[in-house]
Amino acid sequence: MSFDFSYTDINHPLTIEFVEKFRDITSPLANDCYGRRNIMDAGIKPLRHGMRILGRAVTVQLPPDDNLLLHVALHSAEPGDIIVANTSNDRHSGVWGELMTRAAISRKIGGLVLDGMCRDSDWISNSGFPVFARGTCARGSRKVGPGHMNIPVACGNVVVNHGDIIIGDDDGIMVVPACDAEDLLPICLNKITSEKTRIENINAGSPKPKWLPGAIEKWQASSA
């Protein structure tokens, strides 16, 4: 079966240059600044400690036991993009493996977030290509379809839209909606600065945060 890849035109709402401004922002920090929202559930984990991803989401919705649209996404995504895929709760087939990873590296894809299973995990872990998944399964999958790209998908109990910013590290995966990214960025950068000051105070012998006495006072008042 052949495809006309023109229908998968990406048209990201954010530029690569803008997304790169989030490079020093971790998933916990972004989550704190976004009101502790939009963090994927902890069941989706990196295949290896130290994996990190940052990029614009290319979303994929798959039927169970099928990875056809993952191949379409792989060969239409732009360098640096993060493929974010929902497998319709499939836990019985590995929809991503070594050959797809080799192709992703060749095309300079930024990473994969998979609400489902992958295989060839040892090779992938040593390849340097970042994959976050529910787990592993040796059984392969079909390439029949149907499926969808560039639509809102649920991944790790978070809705991900095409073009959202994905921040992934050992602590989790944060989804920054493209529509909120410009407003969120300065808040995150300011928090980085304030936490550096806090660390300097701790190292200088002032470990007690300024907010703690007030919080204790409120707790004591509510417990009286």
C-alpha atoms as a PDB file:
ATOM      1  CA  MET A   1       0.000   0.000   0.000  1.00  0.00           C
ATOM      2  CA  SER A   2       1.387   3.425  -0.925  1.00  0.00           C
ATOM      3  CA  PHE A   3       0.618   6.822   0.533  1.00  0.00           C
ATOM      4  CA  ASP A   4       0.577  10.380  -0.693  1.00  0.00           C
ATOM      5  CA  PHE A   5       2.398  12.012   2.219  1.00  0.00           C
ATOM      6  CA  SER A   6       1.253  15.469   1.160  1.00  0.00           C
ATOM      7  CA  TYR A   7      -1.906  15.054   3.227  1.00  0.00           C
ATOM      8  CA  THR A   8       0.212  14.855   6.373  1.00  0.00           C
ATOM      9  CA  ASP A   9       1.504  18.418   6.006  1.00  0.00           C
ATOM     10  CA  ILE A  10       2.795  19.404   9.441  1.00  0.00           C
ATOM     11  CA  ASN A  11       2.348  23.215   9.640  1.00  0.00           C
ATOM     12  CA  HIS A  12       3.457  23.573  13.258  1.00  0.00           C
ATOM     13  CA  PRO A  13       2.100  26.635  15.085  1.00  0.00           C
ATOM     14  CA  LEU A  14       5.460  27.215  16.859  1.00  0.00           C
ATOM     15  CA  THR A  15       8.936  27.593  15.407  1.00  0.00           C
ATOM     16  CA  ILE A  16      11.854  25.342  16.316  1.00  0.00           C
ATOM     17  CA  GLU A  17      13.738  28.415  17.532  1.00  0.00           C
ATOM     18  CA  PHE A  18      10.986  29.255  20.015  1.00  0.00           C
ATOM     19  CA  VAL A  19      10.700  25.689  21.313  1.00  0.00           C
ATOM     20  CA  GLU A  20      14.470  25.627  21.951  1.00  0.00           C
ATOM     21  CA  LYS A  21      13.956  28.342  24.575  1.00  0.00           C
ATOM     22  CA  PHE A  22      12.473  25.594  26.786  1.00  0.00           C
ATOM     23  CA  ARG A  23      15.733  23.591  26.636  1.00  0.00           C
ATOM     24  CA  ASP A  24      16.713  24.212  30.280  1.00  0.00           C
ATOM     25  CA  ILE A  25      13.181  23.715  31.622  1.00  0.00           C
ATOM     26  CA  THR A  26      12.492  20.361  33.280  1.00  0.00           C
ATOM     27  CA  SER A  27       9.135  18.596  33.383  1.00  0.00           C
ATOM     28  CA  PRO A  28       8.645  19.286  37.142  1.00  0.00           C
ATOM     29  CA  LEU A  29       9.421  22.973  36.755  1.00  0.00           C
ATOM     30  CA  ALA A  30       7.115  23.390  33.763  1.00  0.00           C
ATOM     31  CA  ASN A  31       4.405  21.478  35.619  1.00  0.00           C
ATOM     32  CA  ASP A  32       4.695  23.724  38.692  1.00  0.00           C
ATOM     33  CA  CYS A  33       4.442  26.819  36.521  1.00  0.00           C
ATOM     34  CA  TYR A  34       1.404  25.469  34.669  1.00  0.00           C
ATOM     35  CA  GLY A  35      -0.637  24.899  37.804  1.00  0.00           C
ATOM     36  CA  ARG A  36       0.393  21.229  38.181  1.00  0.00           C
ATOM     37  CA  ARG A  37      -1.570  20.323  35.075  1.00  0.00           C
ATOM     38  CA  ASN A  38      -0.763  18.408  31.902  1.00  0.00           C
ATOM     39  CA  ILE A  39       1.755  15.920  33.277  1.00  0.00           C
ATOM     40  CA  MET A  40       1.301  12.423  31.817  1.00  0.00           C
ATOM     41  CA  ASP A  41       0.682   9.598  34.237  1.00  0.00           C
ATOM     42  CA  ALA A  42       3.719   7.800  35.602  1.00  0.00           C
ATOM     43  CA  GLY A  43       3.007   4.614  33.654  1.00  0.00           C
ATOM     44  CA  ILE A  44       4.760   6.053  30.608  1.00  0.00           C
ATOM     45  CA  LYS A  45       8.485   5.851  31.332  1.00  0.00           C
ATOM     46  CA  PRO A  46      11.776   6.283  29.461  1.00  0.00           C
ATOM     47  CA  LEU A  47      13.373   3.043  28.323  1.00  0.00           C
ATOM     48  CA  ARG A  48      16.631   4.158  29.920  1.00  0.00           C
ATOM     49  CA  HIS A  49      17.540   6.565  32.703  1.00  0.00           C
ATOM     50  CA  GLY A  50      18.751   9.904  31.375  1.00  0.00           C
ATOM     51  CA  MET A  51      16.601  10.106  28.262  1.00  0.00           C
ATOM     52  CA  ARG A  52      15.266  13.603  27.575  1.00  0.00           C
ATOM     53  CA  ILE A  53      13.003  14.995  24.882  1.00  0.00           C
ATOM     54  CA  LEU A  54      11.964  18.463  23.807  1.00  0.00           C
ATOM     55  CA  GLY A  55      10.044  19.201  20.641  1.00  0.00           C
ATOM     56  CA  ARG A  56       6.753  19.810  18.899  1.00  0.00           C
ATOM     57  CA  ALA A  57       4.184  17.037  18.980  1.00  0.00           C
ATOM     58  CA  VAL A  58       3.149  15.098  15.903  1.00  0.00           C
ATOM     59  CA  THR A  59       0.095  13.246  17.134  1.00  0.00           C
ATOM     60  CA  VAL A  60      -0.982   9.771  16.039  1.00  0.00           C
ATOM     61  CA  GLN A  61      -4.084   7.746  16.866  1.00  0.00           C
ATOM     62  CA  LEU A  62      -3.706   4.010  16.212  1.00  0.00           C
ATOM     63  CA  PRO A  63      -6.178   1.151  16.329  1.00  0.00           C
ATOM     64  CA  PRO A  64      -5.154  -1.829  18.481  1.00  0.00           C
ATOM     65  CA  ASP A  65      -2.420  -4.091  17.089  1.00  0.00           C
ATOM     66  CA  ASP A  66      -1.534  -1.801  14.186  1.00  0.00           C
ATOM     67  CA  ASN A  67       1.313   0.649  13.521  1.00  0.00           C
ATOM     68  CA  LEU A  68       0.666   1.808   9.955  1.00  0.00           C
ATOM     69  CA  LEU A  69       0.124   5.456  10.931  1.00  0.00           C
ATOM     70  CA  LEU A  70       3.275   5.413  13.049  1.00  0.00           C
ATOM     71  CA  HIS A  71       5.192   4.721   9.843  1.00  0.00           C
ATOM     72  CA  VAL A  72       3.346   7.565   8.130  1.00  0.00           C
ATOM     73  CA  ALA A  73       4.223   9.918  11.010  1.00  0.00           C
ATOM     74  CA  LEU A  74       7.822   8.755  11.032  1.00  0.00           C
ATOM     75  CA  HIS A  75       8.291   9.656   7.377  1.00  0.00           C
ATOM     76  CA  SER A  76       6.410  12.959   7.454  1.00  0.00           C
ATOM     77  CA  ALA A  77       7.528  14.499  10.773  1.00  0.00           C
ATOM     78  CA  GLU A  78      10.150  17.227  10.695  1.00  0.00           C
ATOM     79  CA  PRO A  79      13.583  17.009  12.357  1.00  0.00           C
ATOM     80  CA  GLY A  80      13.269  17.491  16.085  1.00  0.00           C
ATOM     81  CA  ASP A  81       9.558  16.605  16.219  1.00  0.00           C
ATOM     82  CA  ILE A  82       8.251  14.289  18.933  1.00  0.00           C
ATOM     83  CA  ILE A  83       5.857  11.579  17.770  1.00  0.00           C
ATOM     84  CA  VAL A  84       3.081  11.152  20.354  1.00  0.00           C
ATOM     85  CA  ALA A  85       0.951   8.054  19.792  1.00  0.00           C
ATOM     86  CA  ASN A  86      -2.131   6.513  21.368  1.00  0.00           C
ATOM     87  CA  THR A  87      -2.523   2.764  20.707  1.00  0.00           C
ATOM     88  CA  SER A  88      -6.161   2.449  21.821  1.00  0.00           C
ATOM     89  CA  ASN A  89      -5.102   0.736  25.061  1.00  0.00           C
ATOM     90  CA  ASP A  90      -3.246  -2.030  23.214  1.00  0.00           C
ATOM     91  CA  ARG A  91      -0.876  -3.874  25.576  1.00  0.00           C
ATOM     92  CA  HIS A  92      -0.406  -6.992  23.439  1.00  0.00           C
ATOM     93  CA  SER A  93       1.794  -5.831  20.563  1.00  0.00           C
ATOM     94  CA  GLY A  94       4.998  -3.871  20.182  1.00  0.00           C
ATOM     95  CA  VAL A  95       4.239  -1.159  17.642  1.00  0.00           C
ATOM     96  CA  TRP A  96       7.739   0.367  17.574  1.00  0.00           C
ATOM     97  CA  GLY A  97      11.085  -1.391  17.280  1.00  0.00           C
ATOM     98  CA  GLU A  98      14.683  -1.265  16.097  1.00  0.00           C
ATOM     99  CA  LEU A  99      14.062  -0.653  12.395  1.00  0.00           C
ATOM    100  CA  MET A 100      11.714   2.240  13.048  1.00  0.00           C
ATOM    101  CA  THR A 101      14.196   3.650  15.534  1.00  0.00           C
ATOM    102  CA  ARG A 102      16.970   3.479  12.946  1.00  0.00           C
ATOM    103  CA  ALA A 103      14.737   5.350  10.517  1.00  0.00           C
ATOM    104  CA  ALA A 104      13.869   7.938  13.171  1.00  0.00           C
ATOM    105  CA  ILE A 105      17.553   8.539  13.895  1.00  0.00           C
ATOM    106  CA  SER A 106      18.255   8.874  10.180  1.00  0.00           C
ATOM    107  CA  ARG A 107      15.483  11.436   9.846  1.00  0.00           C
ATOM    108  CA  LYS A 108      16.585  13.279  13.023  1.00  0.00           C
ATOM    109  CA  ILE A 109      13.243  12.813  14.775  1.00  0.00           C
ATOM    110  CA  GLY A 110      13.380  14.133  18.341  1.00  0.00           C
ATOM    111  CA  GLY A 111      11.798  11.190  20.148  1.00  0.00           C
ATOM    112  CA  LEU A 112       8.714   9.060  20.729  1.00  0.00           C
ATOM    113  CA  VAL A 113       6.047   9.110  23.434  1.00  0.00           C
ATOM    114  CA  LEU A 114       3.978   5.946  23.174  1.00  0.00           C
ATOM    115  CA  ASP A 115       0.868   5.164  25.193  1.00  0.00           C
ATOM    116  CA  GLY A 116       1.486   1.530  24.366  1.00  0.00           C
ATOM    117  CA  MET A 117       4.267  -1.008  23.958  1.00  0.00           C
ATOM    118  CA  CYS A 118       7.528  -1.113  22.041  1.00  0.00           C
ATOM    119  CA  ARG A 119      10.018  -3.915  21.381  1.00  0.00           C
ATOM    120  CA  ASP A 120      13.759  -4.295  20.691  1.00  0.00           C
ATOM    121  CA  SER A 121      14.101  -2.260  23.857  1.00  0.00           C
ATOM    122  CA  ASP A 122      17.725  -3.165  24.567  1.00  0.00           C
ATOM    123  CA  TRP A 123      18.856  -1.923  21.169  1.00  0.00           C
ATOM    124  CA  ILE A 124      16.734   1.218  21.434  1.00  0.00           C
ATOM    125  CA  SER A 125      18.053   1.957  24.936  1.00  0.00           C
ATOM    126  CA  ASN A 126      21.631   1.837  23.659  1.00  0.00           C
ATOM    127  CA  SER A 127      20.891   3.782  20.471  1.00  0.00           C
ATOM    128  CA  GLY A 128      20.518   7.152  22.142  1.00  0.00           C
ATOM    129  CA  PHE A 129      17.074   7.688  20.608  1.00  0.00           C
ATOM    130  CA  PRO A 130      14.651   8.673  23.393  1.00  0.00           C
ATOM    131  CA  VAL A 131      11.570   6.488  23.705  1.00  0.00           C
ATOM    132  CA  PHE A 132       8.982   6.823  26.472  1.00  0.00           C
ATOM    133  CA  ALA A 133       6.458   3.943  26.561  1.00  0.00           C
ATOM    134  CA  ARG A 134       4.135   1.909  28.765  1.00  0.00           C
ATOM    135  CA  GLY A 135       6.384  -1.115  28.490  1.00  0.00           C
ATOM    136  CA  THR A 136       7.699  -3.735  26.110  1.00  0.00           C
ATOM    137  CA  CYS A 137       6.145  -6.596  24.160  1.00  0.00           C
ATOM    138  CA  ALA A 138       7.964  -8.933  21.760  1.00  0.00           C
ATOM    139  CA  ARG A 139       4.896  -9.519  19.562  1.00  0.00           C
ATOM    140  CA  GLY A 140       4.777  -7.410  16.394  1.00  0.00           C
ATOM    141  CA  SER A 141       1.798  -5.577  14.933  1.00  0.00           C
ATOM    142  CA  ARG A 142      -0.104  -5.237  11.665  1.00  0.00           C
ATOM    143  CA  LYS A 143       0.228  -2.474   9.095  1.00  0.00           C
ATOM    144  CA  VAL A 144      -3.341  -2.139   7.898  1.00  0.00           C
ATOM    145  CA  GLY A 145      -4.868   0.920   9.556  1.00  0.00           C
ATOM    146  CA  PRO A 146      -7.035   2.868   9.899  1.00  0.00           C
ATOM    147  CA  GLY A 147      -5.581   5.646  11.999  1.00  0.00           C
ATOM    148  CA  HIS A 148      -5.240   9.411  12.210  1.00  0.00           C
ATOM    149  CA  MET A 149      -2.494  12.039  12.387  1.00  0.00           C
ATOM    150  CA  ASN A 150      -2.342  15.610  13.644  1.00  0.00           C
ATOM    151  CA  ILE A 151      -5.548  15.342  15.668  1.00  0.00           C
ATOM    152  CA  PRO A 152      -6.015  15.679  19.450  1.00  0.00           C
ATOM    153  CA  VAL A 153      -5.054  12.401  21.147  1.00  0.00           C
ATOM    154  CA  ALA A 154      -5.118  11.193  24.739  1.00  0.00           C
ATOM    155  CA  CYS A 155      -1.673  10.114  25.906  1.00  0.00           C
ATOM    156  CA  GLY A 156      -0.990   9.288  29.530  1.00  0.00           C
ATOM    157  CA  ASN A 157      -4.377  10.778  30.453  1.00  0.00           C
ATOM    158  CA  VAL A 158      -3.437  14.144  28.935  1.00  0.00           C
ATOM    159  CA  VAL A 159      -4.888  15.577  25.741  1.00  0.00           C
ATOM    160  CA  VAL A 160      -2.094  16.367  23.283  1.00  0.00           C
ATOM    161  CA  ASN A 161      -2.725  18.555  20.271  1.00  0.00           C
ATOM    162  CA  HIS A 162      -0.620  18.685  17.139  1.00  0.00           C
ATOM    163  CA  GLY A 163       2.160  21.218  17.696  1.00  0.00           C
ATOM    164  CA  ASP A 164       2.101  21.230  21.512  1.00  0.00           C
ATOM    165  CA  ILE A 165       5.504  21.319  23.218  1.00  0.00           C
ATOM    166  CA  ILE A 166       6.595  18.026  24.770  1.00  0.00           C
ATOM    167  CA  ILE A 167       9.113  18.092  27.632  1.00  0.00           C
ATOM    168  CA  GLY A 168      10.203  14.641  28.784  1.00  0.00           C
ATOM    169  CA  ASP A 169      12.822  13.472  31.290  1.00  0.00           C
ATOM    170  CA  ASP A 170      13.255  10.947  34.101  1.00  0.00           C
ATOM    171  CA  ASP A 171      10.539  12.670  36.153  1.00  0.00           C
ATOM    172  CA  GLY A 172       7.804  12.489  33.538  1.00  0.00           C
ATOM    173  CA  ILE A 173       6.350  14.029  30.413  1.00  0.00           C
ATOM    174  CA  MET A 174       4.909  17.522  30.436  1.00  0.00           C
ATOM    175  CA  VAL A 175       2.631  18.801  27.682  1.00  0.00           C
ATOM    176  CA  VAL A 176       2.733  22.549  27.102  1.00  0.00           C
ATOM    177  CA  PRO A 177      -0.190  23.602  24.905  1.00  0.00           C
ATOM    178  CA  ALA A 178       1.041  25.615  21.931  1.00  0.00           C
ATOM    179  CA  CYS A 179      -1.529  28.302  22.667  1.00  0.00           C
ATOM    180  CA  ASP A 180      -0.096  28.865  26.180  1.00  0.00           C
ATOM    181  CA  ALA A 181       3.608  28.412  25.467  1.00  0.00           C
ATOM    182  CA  GLU A 182       4.460  32.071  24.892  1.00  0.00           C
ATOM    183  CA  ASP A 183       2.897  33.110  28.208  1.00  0.00           C
ATOM    184  CA  LEU A 184       4.368  30.178  30.119  1.00  0.00           C
ATOM    185  CA  LEU A 185       7.978  30.603  28.992  1.00  0.00           C
ATOM    186  CA  PRO A 186       8.836  33.740  31.037  1.00  0.00           C
ATOM    187  CA  ILE A 187       7.160  32.236  34.108  1.00  0.00           C
ATOM    188  CA  CYS A 188       9.375  29.162  33.810  1.00  0.00           C
ATOM    189  CA  LEU A 189      12.528  31.221  33.251  1.00  0.00           C
ATOM    190  CA  ASN A 190      11.722  33.388  36.265  1.00  0.00           C
ATOM    191  CA  LYS A 191      11.259  30.272  38.400  1.00  0.00           C
ATOM    192  CA  ILE A 192      14.660  28.975  37.301  1.00  0.00           C
ATOM    193  CA  THR A 193      16.195  32.257  38.489  1.00  0.00           C
ATOM    194  CA  SER A 194      14.324  32.225  41.809  1.00  0.00           C
ATOM    195  CA  GLU A 195      15.298  28.599  42.478  1.00  0.00           C
ATOM    196  CA  LYS A 196      18.954  29.409  41.813  1.00  0.00           C
ATOM    197  CA  THR A 197      18.695  32.110  44.474  1.00  0.00           C
ATOM    198  CA  ARG A 198      17.029  29.657  46.839  1.00  0.00           C
ATOM    199  CA  ILE A 199      19.819  27.128  46.271  1.00  0.00           C
ATOM    200  CA  GLU A 200      22.419  29.803  46.991  1.00  0.00           C
ATOM    201  CA  ASN A 201      20.640  30.625  50.272  1.00  0.00           C
ATOM    202  CA  ILE A 202      20.509  26.946  51.237  1.00  0.00           C
ATOM    203  CA  ASN A 203      24.201  26.510  50.510  1.00  0.00           C
ATOM    204  CA  ALA A 204      24.923  29.650  52.549  1.00  0.00           C
ATOM    205  CA  GLY A 205      23.232  28.171  55.625  1.00  0.00           C
ATOM    206  CA  SER A 206      19.681  29.515  55.315  1.00  0.00           C
ATOM    207  CA  PRO A 207      17.719  26.352  54.468  1.00  0.00           C
ATOM    208  CA  LYS A 208      14.344  27.482  55.828  1.00  0.00           C
ATOM    209  CA  PRO A 209      12.101  28.853  53.018  1.00  0.00           C
ATOM    210  CA  LYS A 210      10.435  32.201  53.631  1.00  0.00           C
ATOM    211  CA  TRP A 211       6.955  30.772  53.114  1.00  0.00           C
ATOM    212  CA  LEU A 212       7.299  28.075  55.802  1.00  0.00           C
ATOM    213  CA  PRO A 213       6.480  30.118  58.959  1.00  0.00           C
ATOM    214  CA  GLY A 214       3.269  31.431  57.410  1.00  0.00           C
ATOM    215  CA  ALA A 215       2.231  27.968  56.283  1.00  0.00           C
ATOM    216  CA  ILE A 216       2.842  26.581  59.784  1.00  0.00           C
ATOM    217  CA  GLU A 217       0.810  29.401  61.299  1.00  0.00           C
ATOM    218  CA  LYS A 218      -2.129  28.654  58.992  1.00  0.00           C
ATOM    219  CA  TRP A 219      -1.872  24.931  59.756  1.00  0.00           C
ATOM    220  CA  GLN A 220      -1.856  25.567  63.490  1.00  0.00           C
ATOM    221  CA  ALA A 221      -4.851  27.895  63.196  1.00  0.00           C
ATOM    222  CA  SER A 222      -6.836  25.343  61.212  1.00  0.00           C
ATOM    223  CA  SER A 223      -5.977  22.612  63.705  1.00  0.00           C
ATOM    224  CA  ALA A 224      -6.950  24.595  66.798  1.00  0.00           C
END
